[in-house]
Amino acid sequence: MKILRSLLALFLAFPAAAQVRVVPALQGSASPSVAAVTAPAIAAPSFAATPAAALAPSLLSAPAAPQAPAAAVPAALPARTVLGLRDDADRLYAALADIHSREKANETPAALNALKRALIVDFDGVIAGLPAAELQEGETPRARVKVLRRERAKAERADSPLRLAAVSGELAGLQLRVARELISDASPVAPKAFKRNAALWSLVGAHNSAAASAAEATRLEALARGEEVFGDGRPYVVWNRWSNIHAELEQAARHARNGRPAEARKVLRAAAATLRLAGRDAADLKAAAAFEALAKRPKSDALLAAKDLVPHPEVKTAGPVPYEKLSSALRAQVHALESTRADYLETLGFETSLRHAEALLSSPRPTAADRAQARARLSAAAEWAGRGRVEAKRLAARNLEGAVAALDRGDLKLAALHSTWTAATLSERRAELSRIALSVRRRLLSGLSA
């Protein structure tokens, strides 16, 4: 305990180091100066080569599901930036829908020319504010949209908020570009009415993508702020651990050859996770994906052949090692902090889900699938909130009952408003949990340094 107290005294002598820690996977997500749809890749985190004291690893992190190398993941935009894209999409949709309706009513071209010119000026102003589209050689924006939709689906299945926020933000910008192209002379659609209708659907997609990106960006920003709250002050050292991917593939091949496919899958997926966490480049990410595919039906020969996918098999990862356990006098405070942290993350999860529901219901053209998904999110949140005792959850439960009732009778606007109100209530609840956790943390650090 003397060693522990000495280390904590050193940490507390430098309050900046003791209070603020950054999750490597979230770096760049909260920068207020980002104003584009994509941002430069994040620098990979560095670790000391020798053991060094630092604060405890994040209680918010999930070591069982490591992120891809940071350099391969674009930074997520601040929520307010992508919300601006959503507003642009909504404004352009309303203007184009008005023109489309008037054209169908056979208004004279002279009466519509001014509206059309204003729309083009607004459209081009929005497009001018976007970065150049990052397209492969010969790739069109429409083709890139299809690629990003597949990437977004993968991010949703993997529950990766950083990748989902970044991909959705890029997709929103591309869908705005595609909408502009669809009403131009270069449009692949011939009849003017079809052009306008296709552009309207592209703007719906831009709205949905931007809103989804904003919801995930809000979650990332909340996680980053939570980093300052939920550490318990325990010191630890960082040790480097070397892994040999070729040796792990040989081990998996032996398991497969000897009739142990479950063990082979376990080794393969662990190797894939190591490459995603500490791989050098895109080739390592590709190899990790190949390992996941091989894990479905592990065959010895195929696993040995997969060694060629990893030319540099020695991979270094870093992991935290705690010094010693806390005394029983402080353990209750640690448990209280961890319980509050679990409540914070659960509340944040439902808050994010409700922001997605609000986005679906406020879309210019919500489909039946959108309404069904929104209802499922509202119902799940209502069931969770109904089990709560605190006032915030009771208020959320009442709002969510109103949201489901409004949705069932076809009042999507009111249902969306209830979703927004409930998300705001849960955001206030998270702020309350942060205040509780900071109070517990202060007592814990005071006890450790006594």
Protein backbone atom coordinates (compact mmCIF):
# COMPACT_ATOMS: atom_id res chain seq x y z
CA MET A 1 0.00 0.00 0.00
CA LYS A 2 2.93 2.38 0.61
CA ILE A 3 4.01 1.95 -3.01
CA LEU A 4 0.44 2.60 -4.15
CA ARG A 5 0.14 5.76 -2.09
CA SER A 6 3.51 7.07 -3.27
CA LEU A 7 2.47 6.60 -6.89
CA LEU A 8 -0.87 8.30 -6.32
CA ALA A 9 0.86 11.21 -4.63
CA LEU A 10 2.95 11.62 -7.79
CA PHE A 11 -0.19 11.55 -9.98
CA LEU A 12 -2.07 14.02 -7.84
CA ALA A 13 0.85 16.43 -7.98
CA PHE A 14 0.04 16.82 -11.69
CA PRO A 15 -3.74 17.39 -11.85
CA ALA A 16 -3.87 17.64 -15.62
CA ALA A 17 -2.52 14.13 -15.95
CA ALA A 18 -4.72 12.89 -13.14
CA GLN A 19 -7.96 14.28 -14.53
CA VAL A 20 -7.85 13.90 -18.30
CA ARG A 21 -7.30 10.76 -20.32
CA VAL A 22 -8.08 10.24 -24.01
CA VAL A 23 -9.35 7.05 -25.60
CA PRO A 24 -7.04 6.38 -28.56
CA ALA A 25 -9.95 5.23 -30.73
CA LEU A 26 -11.80 8.51 -30.13
CA GLN A 27 -9.02 10.96 -30.84
CA GLY A 28 -10.14 13.70 -33.20
CA SER A 29 -13.85 13.11 -32.65
CA ALA A 30 -14.52 16.21 -30.62
CA SER A 31 -12.54 18.85 -32.45
CA PRO A 32 -14.80 21.88 -32.98
CA SER A 33 -12.86 23.19 -35.95
CA VAL A 34 -13.68 20.36 -38.36
CA ALA A 35 -16.00 21.66 -41.05
CA ALA A 36 -15.78 19.02 -43.75
CA VAL A 37 -17.44 15.69 -44.37
CA THR A 38 -14.23 13.74 -43.93
CA ALA A 39 -11.13 14.44 -41.90
CA PRO A 40 -7.49 13.31 -41.96
CA ALA A 41 -6.77 9.90 -40.54
CA ILE A 42 -6.03 9.71 -36.84
CA ALA A 43 -2.49 9.08 -35.71
CA ALA A 44 -2.06 5.72 -34.05
CA PRO A 45 -1.49 5.86 -30.28
CA SER A 46 2.04 5.35 -29.04
CA PHE A 47 3.07 3.44 -25.93
CA ALA A 48 6.23 3.66 -23.85
CA ALA A 49 8.78 0.96 -24.49
CA THR A 50 9.47 0.56 -20.78
CA PRO A 51 7.04 0.22 -17.85
CA ALA A 52 5.72 3.65 -16.80
CA ALA A 53 3.11 4.66 -14.27
CA ALA A 54 -0.12 6.18 -15.55
CA LEU A 55 -3.79 6.30 -14.69
CA ALA A 56 -5.99 3.24 -14.87
CA PRO A 57 -7.27 2.15 -18.27
CA SER A 58 -10.65 3.50 -19.25
CA LEU A 59 -13.65 1.94 -17.60
CA LEU A 60 -15.49 2.84 -20.80
CA SER A 61 -13.28 0.75 -23.07
CA ALA A 62 -14.13 -2.73 -24.32
CA PRO A 63 -10.89 -4.71 -24.64
CA ALA A 64 -12.73 -7.77 -25.91
CA ALA A 65 -13.56 -5.97 -29.17
CA PRO A 66 -10.49 -3.96 -30.20
CA GLN A 67 -10.84 -1.22 -32.76
CA ALA A 68 -9.10 -1.24 -36.13
CA PRO A 69 -5.75 0.59 -36.31
CA ALA A 70 -6.49 4.26 -35.72
CA ALA A 71 -4.74 5.36 -38.89
CA ALA A 72 -7.29 3.37 -40.93
CA VAL A 73 -10.35 5.06 -39.39
CA PRO A 74 -11.28 8.61 -40.42
CA ALA A 75 -12.19 10.98 -37.62
CA ALA A 76 -15.84 11.47 -36.82
CA LEU A 77 -17.19 14.96 -37.22
CA PRO A 78 -18.70 17.01 -34.41
CA ALA A 79 -22.45 16.48 -34.18
CA ARG A 80 -23.21 20.10 -35.04
CA THR A 81 -21.27 19.82 -38.32
CA VAL A 82 -23.26 16.89 -39.69
CA LEU A 83 -26.48 18.39 -38.36
CA GLY A 84 -25.69 21.32 -40.66
CA LEU A 85 -25.55 18.87 -43.57
CA ARG A 86 -28.92 17.47 -42.51
CA ASP A 87 -30.39 20.98 -42.50
CA ASP A 88 -28.95 21.61 -45.96
CA ALA A 89 -30.53 18.39 -47.25
CA ASP A 90 -33.90 19.30 -45.72
CA ARG A 91 -33.86 22.81 -47.18
CA LEU A 92 -32.89 21.61 -50.65
CA TYR A 93 -35.51 18.85 -50.48
CA ALA A 94 -38.27 21.35 -49.62
CA ALA A 95 -37.26 23.68 -52.47
CA LEU A 96 -36.99 20.89 -55.04
CA ALA A 97 -40.25 19.27 -53.88
CA ASP A 98 -42.01 22.62 -54.31
CA ILE A 99 -40.70 22.95 -57.88
CA HIS A 100 -41.61 19.34 -58.62
CA SER A 101 -45.15 19.88 -57.39
CA ARG A 102 -45.56 23.07 -59.42
CA GLU A 103 -44.21 21.38 -62.56
CA LYS A 104 -46.75 18.59 -62.15
CA ALA A 105 -49.46 21.26 -61.79
CA ASN A 106 -48.35 22.66 -65.20
CA GLU A 107 -47.29 26.08 -63.98
CA THR A 108 -45.65 28.18 -66.68
CA PRO A 109 -41.85 28.01 -67.01
CA ALA A 110 -41.62 31.77 -66.47
CA ALA A 111 -43.17 31.39 -63.02
CA LEU A 112 -40.69 28.67 -62.08
CA ASN A 113 -37.44 30.02 -63.53
CA ALA A 114 -36.64 32.18 -60.51
CA LEU A 115 -37.24 29.25 -58.15
CA LYS A 116 -35.04 26.98 -60.24
CA ARG A 117 -32.21 29.52 -60.34
CA ALA A 118 -32.41 29.99 -56.57
CA LEU A 119 -32.31 26.22 -56.05
CA ILE A 120 -29.23 25.80 -58.26
CA VAL A 121 -27.43 28.64 -56.48
CA ASP A 122 -28.26 27.11 -53.09
CA PHE A 123 -27.26 23.63 -54.26
CA ASP A 124 -23.93 24.82 -55.67
CA GLY A 125 -23.21 26.79 -52.51
CA VAL A 126 -23.68 23.66 -50.40
CA ILE A 127 -21.55 21.55 -52.76
CA ALA A 128 -18.79 24.18 -52.77
CA GLY A 129 -18.54 23.84 -48.99
CA LEU A 130 -17.84 20.10 -49.23
CA PRO A 131 -14.35 18.63 -49.68
CA ALA A 132 -13.40 16.98 -52.94
CA ALA A 133 -14.93 13.52 -53.12
CA GLU A 134 -12.36 10.80 -52.45
CA LEU A 135 -13.05 8.53 -55.42
CA GLN A 136 -11.02 5.69 -56.85
CA GLU A 137 -9.82 6.00 -60.43
CA GLY A 138 -12.82 5.72 -62.71
CA GLU A 139 -15.27 5.62 -59.79
CA THR A 140 -18.39 7.80 -59.93
CA PRO A 141 -20.07 9.40 -56.88
CA ARG A 142 -23.05 7.08 -57.37
CA ALA A 143 -20.79 4.02 -57.28
CA ARG A 144 -19.02 5.37 -54.19
CA VAL A 145 -22.38 5.80 -52.46
CA LYS A 146 -23.04 2.06 -52.93
CA VAL A 147 -19.63 1.22 -51.44
CA LEU A 148 -20.22 3.45 -48.44
CA ARG A 149 -23.65 1.97 -47.85
CA ARG A 150 -22.05 -1.47 -47.57
CA GLU A 151 -19.40 -0.08 -45.21
CA ARG A 152 -22.11 1.55 -43.10
CA ALA A 153 -23.99 -1.74 -42.84
CA LYS A 154 -20.81 -3.45 -41.63
CA ALA A 155 -20.23 -0.71 -39.06
CA GLU A 156 -23.81 -1.10 -37.82
CA ARG A 157 -23.39 -4.87 -37.43
CA ALA A 158 -20.09 -4.36 -35.61
CA ASP A 159 -21.59 -1.60 -33.40
CA SER A 160 -18.63 0.66 -34.21
CA PRO A 161 -19.76 4.25 -33.47
CA LEU A 162 -16.57 5.88 -34.73
CA ARG A 163 -16.65 4.16 -38.11
CA LEU A 164 -20.43 4.56 -38.38
CA ALA A 165 -20.23 8.30 -37.67
CA ALA A 166 -17.38 8.82 -40.13
CA VAL A 167 -18.85 6.71 -42.96
CA SER A 168 -22.32 8.24 -42.52
CA GLY A 169 -20.87 11.76 -42.63
CA GLU A 170 -18.98 11.04 -45.85
CA LEU A 171 -22.06 9.37 -47.30
CA ALA A 172 -24.22 12.42 -46.56
CA GLY A 173 -21.86 14.66 -48.54
CA LEU A 174 -21.76 12.27 -51.48
CA GLN A 175 -25.55 11.95 -51.55
CA LEU A 176 -25.81 15.73 -51.76
CA ARG A 177 -23.41 15.64 -54.72
CA VAL A 178 -25.42 12.87 -56.40
CA ALA A 179 -28.66 14.83 -55.93
CA ARG A 180 -27.09 17.83 -57.68
CA GLU A 181 -25.86 15.64 -60.52
CA LEU A 182 -29.29 14.07 -60.96
CA ILE A 183 -30.92 17.42 -61.83
CA SER A 184 -28.08 18.49 -64.12
CA ASP A 185 -27.55 17.87 -67.83
CA ALA A 186 -25.14 15.06 -66.88
CA SER A 187 -27.93 13.15 -65.12
CA PRO A 188 -28.16 9.45 -66.06
CA VAL A 189 -31.97 9.81 -65.87
CA ALA A 190 -33.68 11.23 -68.94
CA PRO A 191 -37.20 12.55 -68.19
CA LYS A 192 -37.11 15.70 -66.07
CA ALA A 193 -39.77 14.44 -63.66
CA PHE A 194 -37.72 11.29 -63.07
CA LYS A 195 -34.62 13.41 -62.51
CA ARG A 196 -36.33 15.45 -59.84
CA ASN A 197 -37.80 12.40 -58.13
CA ALA A 198 -34.42 10.62 -58.09
CA ALA A 199 -32.77 13.74 -56.67
CA LEU A 200 -35.44 13.96 -53.97
CA TRP A 201 -34.68 10.40 -52.88
CA SER A 202 -30.97 11.17 -52.83
CA LEU A 203 -31.69 14.14 -50.54
CA VAL A 204 -33.72 11.83 -48.28
CA GLY A 205 -30.63 9.63 -48.10
CA ALA A 206 -28.47 12.64 -47.27
CA HIS A 207 -30.85 13.59 -44.44
CA ASN A 208 -30.79 10.07 -43.01
CA SER A 209 -27.01 9.71 -43.31
CA ALA A 210 -26.27 13.08 -41.74
CA ALA A 211 -28.72 12.44 -38.89
CA ALA A 212 -27.19 9.00 -38.23
CA SER A 213 -23.70 10.52 -38.24
CA ALA A 214 -24.81 13.22 -35.80
CA ALA A 215 -26.33 10.63 -33.43
CA GLU A 216 -23.11 8.60 -33.38
CA ALA A 217 -20.96 11.74 -33.11
CA THR A 218 -22.99 12.77 -30.06
CA ARG A 219 -22.34 9.35 -28.57
CA LEU A 220 -18.60 9.63 -29.23
CA GLU A 221 -18.44 13.09 -27.71
CA ALA A 222 -20.27 11.80 -24.62
CA LEU A 223 -17.86 8.89 -24.32
CA ALA A 224 -14.90 11.23 -24.60
CA ARG A 225 -16.30 13.47 -21.85
CA GLY A 226 -17.03 10.41 -19.74
CA GLU A 227 -13.34 9.50 -19.87
CA GLU A 228 -12.65 12.35 -17.45
CA VAL A 229 -15.20 11.02 -14.98
CA PHE A 230 -15.11 7.27 -14.59
CA GLY A 231 -11.46 6.46 -13.90
CA ASP A 232 -10.91 5.21 -10.35
CA GLY A 233 -7.33 6.44 -10.00
CA ARG A 234 -5.62 3.06 -9.78
CA PRO A 235 -2.06 3.19 -11.21
CA TYR A 236 -0.86 0.70 -13.74
CA VAL A 237 2.08 0.01 -16.03
CA VAL A 238 2.00 -0.60 -19.76
CA TRP A 239 3.82 -3.71 -20.93
CA ASN A 240 4.49 -4.50 -24.55
CA ARG A 241 3.52 -7.98 -25.70
CA TRP A 242 4.75 -9.49 -28.95
CA SER A 243 2.60 -11.87 -30.99
CA ASN A 244 3.63 -13.96 -34.01
CA ILE A 245 0.72 -14.24 -36.42
CA HIS A 246 2.36 -17.08 -38.36
CA ALA A 247 2.72 -19.12 -35.17
CA GLU A 248 -0.93 -18.49 -34.32
CA LEU A 249 -1.98 -19.63 -37.80
CA GLU A 250 0.06 -22.82 -37.36
CA GLN A 251 -1.62 -23.41 -34.01
CA ALA A 252 -5.06 -22.90 -35.58
CA ALA A 253 -4.13 -25.28 -38.40
CA ARG A 254 -3.18 -27.99 -35.87
CA HIS A 255 -6.52 -27.57 -34.14
CA ALA A 256 -8.36 -27.85 -37.47
CA ARG A 257 -6.29 -30.85 -38.55
CA ASN A 258 -7.01 -32.67 -35.27
CA GLY A 259 -10.77 -32.12 -35.34
CA ARG A 260 -10.98 -29.11 -33.02
CA PRO A 261 -12.68 -26.47 -35.20
CA ALA A 262 -13.95 -24.45 -32.22
CA GLU A 263 -10.41 -24.02 -30.92
CA ALA A 264 -9.18 -23.13 -34.41
CA ARG A 265 -11.88 -20.46 -34.71
CA LYS A 266 -10.89 -19.02 -31.33
CA VAL A 267 -7.23 -18.70 -32.31
CA LEU A 268 -8.08 -17.26 -35.75
CA ARG A 269 -10.38 -14.61 -34.35
CA ALA A 270 -7.83 -13.66 -31.71
CA ALA A 271 -5.21 -13.22 -34.47
CA ALA A 272 -7.67 -11.12 -36.48
CA ALA A 273 -8.35 -8.94 -33.43
CA THR A 274 -4.60 -8.46 -32.91
CA LEU A 275 -4.14 -7.33 -36.51
CA ARG A 276 -7.08 -4.93 -36.29
CA LEU A 277 -5.66 -3.46 -33.09
CA ALA A 278 -1.98 -3.19 -33.99
CA GLY A 279 -1.64 -3.94 -37.70
CA ARG A 280 0.69 -1.81 -39.78
CA ASP A 281 -1.40 -1.02 -42.82
CA ALA A 282 -4.45 -1.81 -44.91
CA ALA A 283 -2.93 -5.18 -45.89
CA ASP A 284 -3.09 -6.27 -42.26
CA LEU A 285 -6.73 -5.19 -42.08
CA LYS A 286 -7.42 -7.24 -45.21
CA ALA A 287 -5.67 -10.23 -43.62
CA ALA A 288 -7.79 -9.84 -40.49
CA ALA A 289 -10.95 -9.96 -42.62
CA ALA A 290 -9.62 -13.09 -44.36
CA PHE A 291 -9.01 -14.75 -40.98
CA GLU A 292 -12.60 -14.04 -39.98
CA ALA A 293 -13.81 -15.67 -43.20
CA LEU A 294 -11.57 -18.71 -42.66
CA ALA A 295 -12.87 -19.06 -39.10
CA LYS A 296 -16.30 -20.02 -40.43
CA ARG A 297 -14.93 -23.31 -41.82
CA PRO A 298 -11.30 -23.71 -40.69
CA LYS A 299 -9.25 -25.98 -42.94
CA SER A 300 -5.62 -26.76 -42.11
CA ASP A 301 -4.19 -26.20 -45.63
CA ALA A 302 -6.05 -22.92 -46.09
CA LEU A 303 -4.86 -21.65 -42.70
CA LEU A 304 -1.23 -22.40 -43.49
CA ALA A 305 -1.58 -20.73 -46.90
CA ALA A 306 -2.95 -17.63 -45.18
CA LYS A 307 0.51 -16.97 -43.72
CA ASP A 308 1.36 -15.33 -47.06
CA LEU A 309 -1.18 -12.59 -46.23
CA VAL A 310 0.99 -11.35 -43.35
CA PRO A 311 4.55 -10.63 -44.54
CA HIS A 312 5.47 -9.09 -41.16
CA PRO A 313 4.12 -11.58 -38.60
CA GLU A 314 5.67 -10.00 -35.48
CA VAL A 315 3.04 -7.65 -34.02
CA LYS A 316 3.40 -5.64 -30.82
CA THR A 317 0.44 -4.80 -28.62
CA ALA A 318 0.33 -2.99 -25.29
CA GLY A 319 -1.75 -3.83 -22.25
CA PRO A 320 -2.24 -2.34 -18.77
CA VAL A 321 -1.16 -4.27 -15.65
CA PRO A 322 -2.45 -3.00 -12.26
CA TYR A 323 -0.03 -2.74 -9.35
CA GLU A 324 -2.08 -4.15 -6.47
CA LYS A 325 -5.67 -4.44 -5.31
CA LEU A 326 -7.38 -1.69 -3.43
CA SER A 327 -8.04 -2.11 0.26
CA SER A 328 -11.48 -3.23 1.39
CA ALA A 329 -12.15 0.27 2.76
CA LEU A 330 -12.04 1.71 -0.78
CA ARG A 331 -13.56 -1.18 -2.69
CA ALA A 332 -17.14 -0.02 -2.12
CA GLN A 333 -16.36 3.34 -3.73
CA VAL A 334 -14.83 1.58 -6.73
CA HIS A 335 -17.96 -0.53 -7.07
CA ALA A 336 -20.12 2.60 -6.83
CA LEU A 337 -18.06 4.24 -9.58
CA GLU A 338 -18.32 1.19 -11.81
CA SER A 339 -22.08 0.93 -11.22
CA THR A 340 -22.54 4.59 -12.14
CA ARG A 341 -20.41 4.05 -15.22
CA ALA A 342 -22.64 1.13 -16.31
CA ASP A 343 -25.73 3.30 -15.86
CA TYR A 344 -24.06 6.11 -17.85
CA LEU A 345 -23.26 3.82 -20.78
CA GLU A 346 -26.70 2.20 -20.77
CA THR A 347 -28.40 5.61 -20.71
CA LEU A 348 -26.14 6.83 -23.52
CA GLY A 349 -26.99 3.76 -25.60
CA PHE A 350 -30.73 4.39 -25.40
CA GLU A 351 -30.22 8.13 -25.94
CA THR A 352 -28.32 7.37 -29.17
CA SER A 353 -31.00 4.90 -30.27
CA LEU A 354 -33.70 7.54 -29.76
CA ARG A 355 -31.73 10.05 -31.83
CA HIS A 356 -31.73 7.48 -34.63
CA ALA A 357 -35.49 7.02 -34.20
CA GLU A 358 -36.03 10.79 -34.36
CA ALA A 359 -33.96 10.93 -37.54
CA LEU A 360 -36.03 8.18 -39.17
CA LEU A 361 -39.34 9.79 -38.24
CA SER A 362 -38.30 13.31 -39.31
CA SER A 363 -37.06 12.11 -42.70
CA PRO A 364 -38.78 13.82 -45.66
CA ARG A 365 -40.01 10.42 -46.87
CA PRO A 366 -40.01 7.83 -44.06
CA THR A 367 -40.62 4.36 -45.47
CA ALA A 368 -42.57 1.56 -43.82
CA ALA A 369 -39.24 -0.01 -42.82
CA ASP A 370 -38.14 3.30 -41.28
CA ARG A 371 -41.34 3.50 -39.23
CA ALA A 372 -40.99 -0.11 -38.10
CA GLN A 373 -37.39 0.41 -37.03
CA ALA A 374 -38.28 3.62 -35.19
CA ARG A 375 -41.12 1.87 -33.37
CA ALA A 376 -38.82 -0.96 -32.31
CA ARG A 377 -36.32 1.56 -30.90
CA LEU A 378 -39.04 3.50 -29.09
CA SER A 379 -40.57 0.33 -27.62
CA ALA A 380 -37.22 -1.00 -26.40
CA ALA A 381 -36.39 2.32 -24.75
CA ALA A 382 -39.87 2.51 -23.20
CA GLU A 383 -39.48 -0.97 -21.70
CA TRP A 384 -36.07 -0.01 -20.25
CA ALA A 385 -37.25 3.34 -18.89
CA GLY A 386 -40.35 1.73 -17.38
CA ARG A 387 -38.13 -0.36 -15.08
CA GLY A 388 -36.40 2.74 -13.68
CA ARG A 389 -37.11 4.50 -10.42
CA VAL A 390 -35.33 7.82 -10.92
CA GLU A 391 -37.41 10.76 -12.12
CA ALA A 392 -35.55 11.05 -15.44
CA LYS A 393 -36.48 7.48 -16.40
CA ARG A 394 -40.09 7.97 -15.30
CA LEU A 395 -40.34 11.08 -17.46
CA ALA A 396 -38.70 9.22 -20.34
CA ALA A 397 -41.19 6.36 -19.99
CA ARG A 398 -44.15 8.77 -20.20
CA ASN A 399 -42.69 10.52 -23.26
CA LEU A 400 -41.96 7.23 -24.97
CA GLU A 401 -45.51 5.98 -24.39
CA GLY A 402 -46.71 9.15 -26.11
CA ALA A 403 -44.23 8.61 -28.95
CA VAL A 404 -45.42 5.05 -29.63
CA ALA A 405 -49.07 6.10 -29.45
CA ALA A 406 -48.46 9.01 -31.86
CA LEU A 407 -46.59 6.75 -34.28
CA ASP A 408 -49.34 4.12 -34.22
CA ARG A 409 -51.96 6.70 -35.19
CA GLY A 410 -49.74 8.06 -37.97
CA ASP A 411 -48.58 11.32 -36.35
CA LEU A 412 -44.90 10.97 -37.20
CA LYS A 413 -44.09 14.60 -36.40
CA LEU A 414 -45.32 14.30 -32.81
CA ALA A 415 -43.60 10.93 -32.40
CA ALA A 416 -40.33 12.52 -33.54
CA LEU A 417 -40.80 15.37 -31.06
CA HIS A 418 -41.36 12.90 -28.22
CA SER A 419 -38.15 11.11 -29.27
CA THR A 420 -36.23 14.39 -29.20
CA TRP A 421 -37.65 15.32 -25.78
CA THR A 422 -36.77 11.90 -24.36
CA ALA A 423 -33.22 12.04 -25.72
CA ALA A 424 -32.80 15.44 -24.05
CA THR A 425 -34.08 13.99 -20.76
CA LEU A 426 -31.58 11.13 -20.96
CA SER A 427 -28.80 13.60 -21.75
CA GLU A 428 -29.66 15.43 -18.52
CA ARG A 429 -29.61 12.11 -16.68
CA ARG A 430 -26.09 11.45 -17.98
CA ALA A 431 -25.00 14.85 -16.68
CA GLU A 432 -26.42 13.90 -13.27
CA LEU A 433 -24.55 10.59 -13.34
CA SER A 434 -21.33 12.45 -14.21
CA ARG A 435 -21.76 14.70 -11.16
CA ILE A 436 -22.34 11.65 -8.94
CA ALA A 437 -19.27 9.89 -10.36
CA LEU A 438 -17.02 12.92 -9.92
CA SER A 439 -18.04 13.11 -6.28
CA VAL A 440 -17.23 9.42 -5.74
CA ARG A 441 -13.99 9.80 -7.66
CA ARG A 442 -12.87 12.71 -5.46
CA ARG A 443 -13.51 10.64 -2.33
CA LEU A 444 -11.68 7.68 -3.83
CA LEU A 445 -8.62 9.67 -4.83
CA SER A 446 -8.62 11.36 -1.43
CA GLY A 447 -8.61 7.99 0.29
CA LEU A 448 -5.83 6.64 -1.93
CA SER A 449 -3.60 9.65 -1.26
CA ALA A 450 -4.21 9.72 2.51
